[in-house]
């Protein structure tokens, strides 16, 4: 398997995106709204990073299985991750005094960006896997 779509490469890209969000968004948020808004942004980035890293790792582990098993694990994992994420978000919003606007906006933007990258990586990796197994 090419290292181009490895878990390590994926994780590095996701962490680079987090760094870019913090560099280009964190300073203006902190300067304008203060530390509580920056904390909301950081919590959102951590949540979405954990979400996509766990998802990618689980999907990569099931890529060698039959198409039915693979699809069950992909969609089942997505549903489980979504419910866990919803529960954590609800807990954070209800039980903490986090800056809600920065948290929700950062969560939305980073979730969309990271999910798109996750889909691209999974698609490319599965294409490479099909090509390497069909040529054997």
N, C-alpha and C. Protein backbone atom coordinates (compact mmCIF):
# COMPACT_ATOMS: atom_id res chain seq x y z
N UNK A 1 0.84 -1.19 0.00
CA UNK A 1 0.00 0.00 0.00
C UNK A 1 0.88 1.24 0.00
N UNK A 2 0.53 2.14 -0.83
CA UNK A 2 1.25 3.40 -0.92
C UNK A 2 1.11 4.19 0.38
N UNK A 3 2.18 4.86 0.74
CA UNK A 3 2.14 5.70 1.94
C UNK A 3 1.34 6.97 1.70
N UNK A 4 0.99 7.20 0.44
CA UNK A 4 0.28 8.42 0.09
C UNK A 4 -1.06 8.54 0.80
N UNK A 5 -1.74 7.43 1.06
CA UNK A 5 -3.04 7.45 1.71
C UNK A 5 -3.02 6.67 3.02
N UNK A 6 -1.87 6.62 3.66
CA UNK A 6 -1.74 5.91 4.93
C UNK A 6 -2.42 6.70 6.05
N UNK A 7 -2.62 6.03 7.17
CA UNK A 7 -3.21 6.69 8.32
C UNK A 7 -2.33 7.83 8.79
N UNK A 8 -1.03 7.62 8.77
CA UNK A 8 -0.10 8.66 9.22
C UNK A 8 -0.20 9.90 8.33
N UNK A 9 -0.28 9.70 7.02
CA UNK A 9 -0.42 10.83 6.10
C UNK A 9 -1.73 11.56 6.34
N UNK A 10 -2.80 10.77 6.53
CA UNK A 10 -4.11 11.36 6.80
C UNK A 10 -4.08 12.17 8.10
N UNK A 11 -3.53 11.60 9.15
CA UNK A 11 -3.46 12.29 10.44
C UNK A 11 -2.62 13.57 10.33
N UNK A 12 -1.53 13.51 9.59
CA UNK A 12 -0.69 14.69 9.40
C UNK A 12 -1.46 15.80 8.69
N UNK A 13 -2.22 15.44 7.68
CA UNK A 13 -3.01 16.44 6.95
C UNK A 13 -4.09 17.04 7.85
N UNK A 14 -4.76 16.22 8.63
CA UNK A 14 -5.80 16.71 9.53
C UNK A 14 -5.21 17.66 10.58
N UNK A 15 -4.06 17.29 11.12
CA UNK A 15 -3.42 18.16 12.11
C UNK A 15 -2.91 19.45 11.48
N UNK A 16 -2.50 19.38 10.22
CA UNK A 16 -2.10 20.59 9.50
C UNK A 16 -3.29 21.52 9.29
N UNK A 17 -4.44 20.94 9.02
CA UNK A 17 -5.66 21.74 8.87
C UNK A 17 -6.00 22.41 10.19
N UNK A 18 -5.87 21.67 11.30
CA UNK A 18 -6.11 22.27 12.61
C UNK A 18 -5.16 23.44 12.86
N UNK A 19 -3.90 23.24 12.51
CA UNK A 19 -2.91 24.31 12.70
C UNK A 19 -3.29 25.53 11.85
N UNK A 20 -3.72 25.31 10.62
CA UNK A 20 -4.12 26.42 9.76
C UNK A 20 -5.34 27.15 10.33
N UNK A 21 -6.32 26.38 10.83
CA UNK A 21 -7.48 27.01 11.46
C UNK A 21 -7.06 27.86 12.65
N UNK A 22 -6.15 27.33 13.46
CA UNK A 22 -5.70 28.08 14.64
C UNK A 22 -4.89 29.31 14.26
N UNK A 23 -4.05 29.19 13.25
CA UNK A 23 -3.22 30.32 12.83
C UNK A 23 -4.08 31.42 12.20
N UNK A 24 -4.92 31.03 11.24
CA UNK A 24 -5.67 32.03 10.49
C UNK A 24 -7.00 32.43 11.15
N UNK A 25 -7.53 31.57 12.01
CA UNK A 25 -8.79 31.89 12.67
C UNK A 25 -8.64 32.15 14.15
N UNK A 26 -7.69 31.47 14.77
CA UNK A 26 -7.54 31.57 16.22
C UNK A 26 -7.15 32.95 16.70
N UNK A 27 -6.20 33.56 16.03
CA UNK A 27 -5.76 34.89 16.45
C UNK A 27 -6.88 35.92 16.33
N UNK A 28 -7.57 35.98 15.19
CA UNK A 28 -8.68 36.95 15.11
C UNK A 28 -9.78 36.68 16.13
N UNK A 29 -10.09 35.40 16.35
CA UNK A 29 -11.12 35.07 17.34
C UNK A 29 -10.68 35.50 18.73
N UNK A 30 -9.44 35.17 19.08
CA UNK A 30 -8.92 35.55 20.40
C UNK A 30 -8.87 37.06 20.56
N UNK A 31 -8.36 37.73 19.53
CA UNK A 31 -8.21 39.19 19.60
C UNK A 31 -9.56 39.90 19.71
N UNK A 32 -10.56 39.35 19.03
CA UNK A 32 -11.87 40.00 19.00
C UNK A 32 -12.76 39.60 20.18
N UNK A 33 -12.78 38.30 20.51
CA UNK A 33 -13.75 37.80 21.50
C UNK A 33 -13.12 37.28 22.79
N UNK A 34 -11.82 37.08 22.80
CA UNK A 34 -11.15 36.65 24.03
C UNK A 34 -10.88 35.16 24.10
N UNK A 35 -10.34 34.77 25.25
CA UNK A 35 -9.90 33.40 25.45
C UNK A 35 -11.04 32.40 25.45
N UNK A 36 -12.21 32.75 25.93
CA UNK A 36 -13.32 31.79 25.96
C UNK A 36 -13.75 31.40 24.55
N UNK A 37 -13.70 32.34 23.62
CA UNK A 37 -14.04 32.04 22.23
C UNK A 37 -12.97 31.16 21.59
N UNK A 38 -11.72 31.44 21.90
CA UNK A 38 -10.63 30.60 21.39
C UNK A 38 -10.74 29.19 21.95
N UNK A 39 -11.10 29.07 23.22
CA UNK A 39 -11.27 27.75 23.84
C UNK A 39 -12.39 26.98 23.14
N UNK A 40 -13.47 27.65 22.79
CA UNK A 40 -14.55 27.01 22.05
C UNK A 40 -14.09 26.50 20.70
N UNK A 41 -13.27 27.29 20.05
CA UNK A 41 -12.72 26.89 18.75
C UNK A 41 -11.82 25.67 18.90
N UNK A 42 -10.97 25.67 19.91
CA UNK A 42 -10.04 24.56 20.12
C UNK A 42 -10.79 23.27 20.45
N UNK A 43 -11.81 23.37 21.29
CA UNK A 43 -12.60 22.18 21.63
C UNK A 43 -13.27 21.61 20.38
N UNK A 44 -13.80 22.47 19.53
CA UNK A 44 -14.43 22.02 18.29
C UNK A 44 -13.41 21.32 17.38
N UNK A 45 -12.22 21.88 17.28
CA UNK A 45 -11.19 21.26 16.45
C UNK A 45 -10.78 19.90 16.99
N UNK A 46 -10.65 19.80 18.30
CA UNK A 46 -10.28 18.51 18.91
C UNK A 46 -11.37 17.47 18.65
N UNK A 47 -12.63 17.84 18.84
CA UNK A 47 -13.73 16.91 18.61
C UNK A 47 -13.76 16.39 17.18
N UNK A 48 -13.65 17.30 16.22
CA UNK A 48 -13.73 16.87 14.83
C UNK A 48 -12.49 16.08 14.42
N UNK A 49 -11.34 16.40 15.00
CA UNK A 49 -10.13 15.64 14.70
C UNK A 49 -10.24 14.21 15.21
N UNK A 50 -10.68 14.07 16.44
CA UNK A 50 -10.85 12.72 16.99
C UNK A 50 -11.87 11.95 16.16
N UNK A 51 -12.95 12.60 15.78
CA UNK A 51 -13.99 11.97 14.98
C UNK A 51 -13.45 11.41 13.66
N UNK A 52 -12.75 12.23 12.89
CA UNK A 52 -12.28 11.75 11.58
C UNK A 52 -11.12 10.76 11.71
N UNK A 53 -10.27 10.93 12.71
CA UNK A 53 -9.17 9.97 12.88
C UNK A 53 -9.70 8.59 13.25
N UNK A 54 -10.66 8.54 14.16
CA UNK A 54 -11.26 7.25 14.53
C UNK A 54 -11.98 6.65 13.32
N UNK A 55 -12.72 7.48 12.62
CA UNK A 55 -13.45 6.99 11.45
C UNK A 55 -12.53 6.45 10.37
N UNK A 56 -11.50 7.18 10.05
CA UNK A 56 -10.57 6.72 9.01
C UNK A 56 -9.87 5.44 9.43
N UNK A 57 -9.45 5.38 10.69
CA UNK A 57 -8.78 4.18 11.18
C UNK A 57 -9.69 2.96 11.11
N UNK A 58 -10.95 3.11 11.51
CA UNK A 58 -11.89 1.98 11.45
C UNK A 58 -12.17 1.56 10.02
N UNK A 59 -12.32 2.52 9.13
CA UNK A 59 -12.61 2.19 7.74
C UNK A 59 -11.43 1.52 7.07
N UNK A 60 -10.23 2.01 7.34
CA UNK A 60 -9.03 1.40 6.75
C UNK A 60 -8.88 -0.05 7.21
N UNK A 61 -9.25 -0.30 8.44
CA UNK A 61 -9.16 -1.68 8.96
C UNK A 61 -10.14 -2.62 8.26
N UNK A 62 -11.23 -2.10 7.73
CA UNK A 62 -12.24 -2.97 7.11
C UNK A 62 -12.18 -2.96 5.59
N UNK A 63 -11.20 -2.31 5.01
CA UNK A 63 -11.16 -2.15 3.55
C UNK A 63 -10.89 -3.48 2.83
N UNK A 64 -10.28 -4.45 3.51
CA UNK A 64 -9.98 -5.74 2.89
C UNK A 64 -11.16 -6.70 2.92
N UNK A 65 -12.24 -6.34 3.54
CA UNK A 65 -13.39 -7.23 3.68
C UNK A 65 -14.29 -7.14 2.46
N UNK A 66 -15.30 -8.02 2.43
CA UNK A 66 -16.24 -8.01 1.31
C UNK A 66 -16.95 -6.66 1.25
N UNK A 67 -17.51 -6.36 0.10
CA UNK A 67 -18.17 -5.07 -0.09
C UNK A 67 -19.33 -4.90 0.90
N UNK A 68 -20.11 -5.96 1.14
CA UNK A 68 -21.22 -5.85 2.09
C UNK A 68 -20.72 -5.54 3.50
N UNK A 69 -19.70 -6.26 3.95
CA UNK A 69 -19.15 -6.01 5.28
C UNK A 69 -18.52 -4.63 5.36
N UNK A 70 -17.82 -4.25 4.31
CA UNK A 70 -17.20 -2.93 4.28
C UNK A 70 -18.25 -1.83 4.40
N UNK A 71 -19.32 -1.91 3.61
CA UNK A 71 -20.36 -0.89 3.64
C UNK A 71 -21.08 -0.86 4.98
N UNK A 72 -21.33 -2.03 5.57
CA UNK A 72 -21.96 -2.08 6.89
C UNK A 72 -21.09 -1.37 7.92
N UNK A 73 -19.80 -1.62 7.87
CA UNK A 73 -18.91 -1.00 8.84
C UNK A 73 -18.76 0.50 8.59
N UNK A 74 -18.71 0.90 7.34
CA UNK A 74 -18.59 2.33 7.03
C UNK A 74 -19.83 3.08 7.51
N UNK A 75 -21.01 2.63 7.09
CA UNK A 75 -22.23 3.35 7.45
C UNK A 75 -22.60 3.15 8.91
N UNK A 76 -22.38 1.96 9.45
CA UNK A 76 -22.61 1.74 10.87
C UNK A 76 -21.70 2.60 11.72
N UNK A 77 -20.43 2.67 11.32
CA UNK A 77 -19.49 3.51 12.04
C UNK A 77 -19.85 4.98 11.97
N UNK A 78 -20.34 5.41 10.80
CA UNK A 78 -20.76 6.81 10.66
C UNK A 78 -21.92 7.13 11.60
N UNK A 79 -22.88 6.22 11.69
CA UNK A 79 -24.04 6.45 12.56
C UNK A 79 -23.60 6.49 14.02
N UNK A 80 -22.77 5.54 14.43
CA UNK A 80 -22.29 5.51 15.82
C UNK A 80 -21.49 6.77 16.13
N UNK A 81 -20.58 7.15 15.24
CA UNK A 81 -19.78 8.36 15.46
C UNK A 81 -20.66 9.60 15.54
N UNK A 82 -21.69 9.67 14.70
CA UNK A 82 -22.59 10.83 14.70
C UNK A 82 -23.33 10.93 16.02
N UNK A 83 -23.85 9.81 16.54
CA UNK A 83 -24.57 9.86 17.80
C UNK A 83 -23.64 10.20 18.96
N UNK A 84 -22.44 9.65 18.97
CA UNK A 84 -21.48 9.99 20.02
C UNK A 84 -21.14 11.48 19.94
N UNK A 85 -20.88 11.97 18.74
CA UNK A 85 -20.55 13.38 18.57
C UNK A 85 -21.72 14.27 19.01
N UNK A 86 -22.94 13.89 18.67
CA UNK A 86 -24.10 14.67 19.10
C UNK A 86 -24.21 14.69 20.62
N UNK A 87 -23.96 13.57 21.26
CA UNK A 87 -24.01 13.51 22.72
C UNK A 87 -22.95 14.38 23.36
N UNK A 88 -21.74 14.33 22.83
CA UNK A 88 -20.65 15.15 23.37
C UNK A 88 -20.95 16.63 23.16
N UNK A 89 -21.45 16.99 22.00
CA UNK A 89 -21.81 18.39 21.71
C UNK A 89 -22.90 18.86 22.67
N UNK A 90 -23.92 18.04 22.86
CA UNK A 90 -25.00 18.41 23.78
C UNK A 90 -24.46 18.59 25.19
N UNK A 91 -23.60 17.68 25.61
CA UNK A 91 -23.01 17.80 26.94
C UNK A 91 -22.22 19.10 27.07
N UNK A 92 -21.39 19.38 26.09
CA UNK A 92 -20.56 20.59 26.13
C UNK A 92 -21.43 21.84 26.18
N UNK A 93 -22.45 21.88 25.36
CA UNK A 93 -23.30 23.08 25.31
C UNK A 93 -24.15 23.25 26.58
N UNK A 94 -24.57 22.14 27.17
CA UNK A 94 -25.45 22.22 28.34
C UNK A 94 -24.68 22.29 29.66
N UNK A 95 -23.52 21.67 29.73
CA UNK A 95 -22.83 21.53 31.01
C UNK A 95 -21.63 22.46 31.18
N UNK A 96 -21.26 23.18 30.14
CA UNK A 96 -20.11 24.07 30.27
C UNK A 96 -20.51 25.49 29.89
N UNK A 97 -19.64 26.41 30.17
CA UNK A 97 -19.89 27.81 29.82
C UNK A 97 -19.03 28.21 28.62
N UNK A 98 -18.92 27.29 27.68
CA UNK A 98 -18.10 27.53 26.49
C UNK A 98 -18.75 28.61 25.63
N UNK A 99 -17.93 29.34 24.92
CA UNK A 99 -18.43 30.37 23.98
C UNK A 99 -19.13 29.63 22.85
N UNK A 100 -20.46 29.64 22.87
CA UNK A 100 -21.24 28.78 21.97
C UNK A 100 -21.09 29.14 20.50
N UNK A 101 -21.03 30.42 20.17
CA UNK A 101 -20.93 30.80 18.76
C UNK A 101 -19.63 30.31 18.14
N UNK A 102 -18.51 30.55 18.81
CA UNK A 102 -17.24 30.11 18.24
C UNK A 102 -17.16 28.59 18.20
N UNK A 103 -17.73 27.94 19.20
CA UNK A 103 -17.74 26.48 19.22
C UNK A 103 -18.54 25.91 18.05
N UNK A 104 -19.76 26.38 17.88
CA UNK A 104 -20.64 25.84 16.83
C UNK A 104 -20.11 26.17 15.43
N UNK A 105 -19.68 27.40 15.22
CA UNK A 105 -19.16 27.79 13.90
C UNK A 105 -17.89 27.00 13.57
N UNK A 106 -16.98 26.89 14.52
CA UNK A 106 -15.74 26.14 14.30
C UNK A 106 -16.04 24.66 14.08
N UNK A 107 -16.97 24.13 14.85
CA UNK A 107 -17.35 22.72 14.70
C UNK A 107 -17.91 22.47 13.30
N UNK A 108 -18.79 23.33 12.85
CA UNK A 108 -19.41 23.16 11.54
C UNK A 108 -18.38 23.23 10.43
N UNK A 109 -17.56 24.25 10.44
CA UNK A 109 -16.58 24.43 9.37
C UNK A 109 -15.55 23.30 9.37
N UNK A 110 -15.01 22.98 10.55
CA UNK A 110 -13.98 21.93 10.59
C UNK A 110 -14.57 20.55 10.31
N UNK A 111 -15.81 20.30 10.73
CA UNK A 111 -16.44 19.01 10.44
C UNK A 111 -16.61 18.81 8.94
N UNK A 112 -17.09 19.82 8.26
CA UNK A 112 -17.28 19.73 6.80
C UNK A 112 -15.93 19.52 6.11
N UNK A 113 -14.94 20.35 6.43
CA UNK A 113 -13.62 20.24 5.78
C UNK A 113 -12.99 18.88 6.01
N UNK A 114 -12.99 18.43 7.24
CA UNK A 114 -12.34 17.16 7.57
C UNK A 114 -13.11 15.97 7.02
N UNK A 115 -14.43 16.06 6.96
CA UNK A 115 -15.21 14.96 6.39
C UNK A 115 -14.97 14.83 4.89
N UNK A 116 -14.84 15.95 4.21
CA UNK A 116 -14.53 15.91 2.78
C UNK A 116 -13.17 15.26 2.55
N UNK A 117 -12.19 15.63 3.35
CA UNK A 117 -10.86 15.03 3.21
C UNK A 117 -10.90 13.55 3.54
N UNK A 118 -11.67 13.18 4.55
CA UNK A 118 -11.81 11.76 4.90
C UNK A 118 -12.40 10.98 3.73
N UNK A 119 -13.43 11.50 3.11
CA UNK A 119 -14.06 10.84 1.97
C UNK A 119 -13.08 10.71 0.81
N UNK A 120 -12.33 11.76 0.53
CA UNK A 120 -11.35 11.71 -0.56
C UNK A 120 -10.30 10.65 -0.29
N UNK A 121 -9.77 10.63 0.93
CA UNK A 121 -8.75 9.64 1.28
C UNK A 121 -9.29 8.22 1.21
N UNK A 122 -10.50 8.01 1.71
CA UNK A 122 -11.09 6.66 1.66
C UNK A 122 -11.32 6.24 0.22
N UNK A 123 -11.81 7.14 -0.60
CA UNK A 123 -12.04 6.83 -2.01
C UNK A 123 -10.73 6.48 -2.72
N UNK A 124 -9.72 7.30 -2.53
CA UNK A 124 -8.42 7.05 -3.18
C UNK A 124 -7.80 5.75 -2.66
N UNK A 125 -7.89 5.54 -1.37
CA UNK A 125 -7.30 4.33 -0.79
C UNK A 125 -8.03 3.09 -1.29
N UNK A 126 -9.34 3.14 -1.38
CA UNK A 126 -10.08 1.97 -1.87
C UNK A 126 -9.81 1.73 -3.35
N UNK A 127 -9.62 2.80 -4.13
CA UNK A 127 -9.27 2.64 -5.54
C UNK A 127 -7.90 1.99 -5.67
N UNK A 128 -6.94 2.45 -4.88
CA UNK A 128 -5.60 1.86 -4.90
C UNK A 128 -5.64 0.41 -4.45
N UNK A 129 -6.49 0.11 -3.47
CA UNK A 129 -6.60 -1.25 -2.97
C UNK A 129 -7.17 -2.17 -4.05
N UNK A 130 -8.21 -1.71 -4.76
CA UNK A 130 -8.82 -2.51 -5.83
C UNK A 130 -7.82 -2.76 -6.96
N UNK A 131 -7.04 -1.74 -7.29
CA UNK A 131 -6.05 -1.88 -8.37
C UNK A 131 -4.97 -2.87 -7.94
N UNK A 132 -4.49 -2.78 -6.71
CA UNK A 132 -3.41 -3.67 -6.26
C UNK A 132 -3.90 -5.10 -6.10
N UNK A 133 -5.16 -5.33 -5.69
CA UNK A 133 -5.65 -6.69 -5.54
C UNK A 133 -6.05 -7.30 -6.89
N UNK A 134 -6.49 -6.49 -7.83
CA UNK A 134 -6.86 -7.04 -9.15
C UNK A 134 -5.64 -7.36 -9.99
N UNK A 135 -4.49 -6.75 -9.71
CA UNK A 135 -3.31 -7.03 -10.49
C UNK A 135 -2.51 -8.20 -9.94
N UNK A 136 -2.88 -8.69 -8.74
CA UNK A 136 -2.16 -9.83 -8.14
C UNK A 136 -2.50 -11.13 -8.80
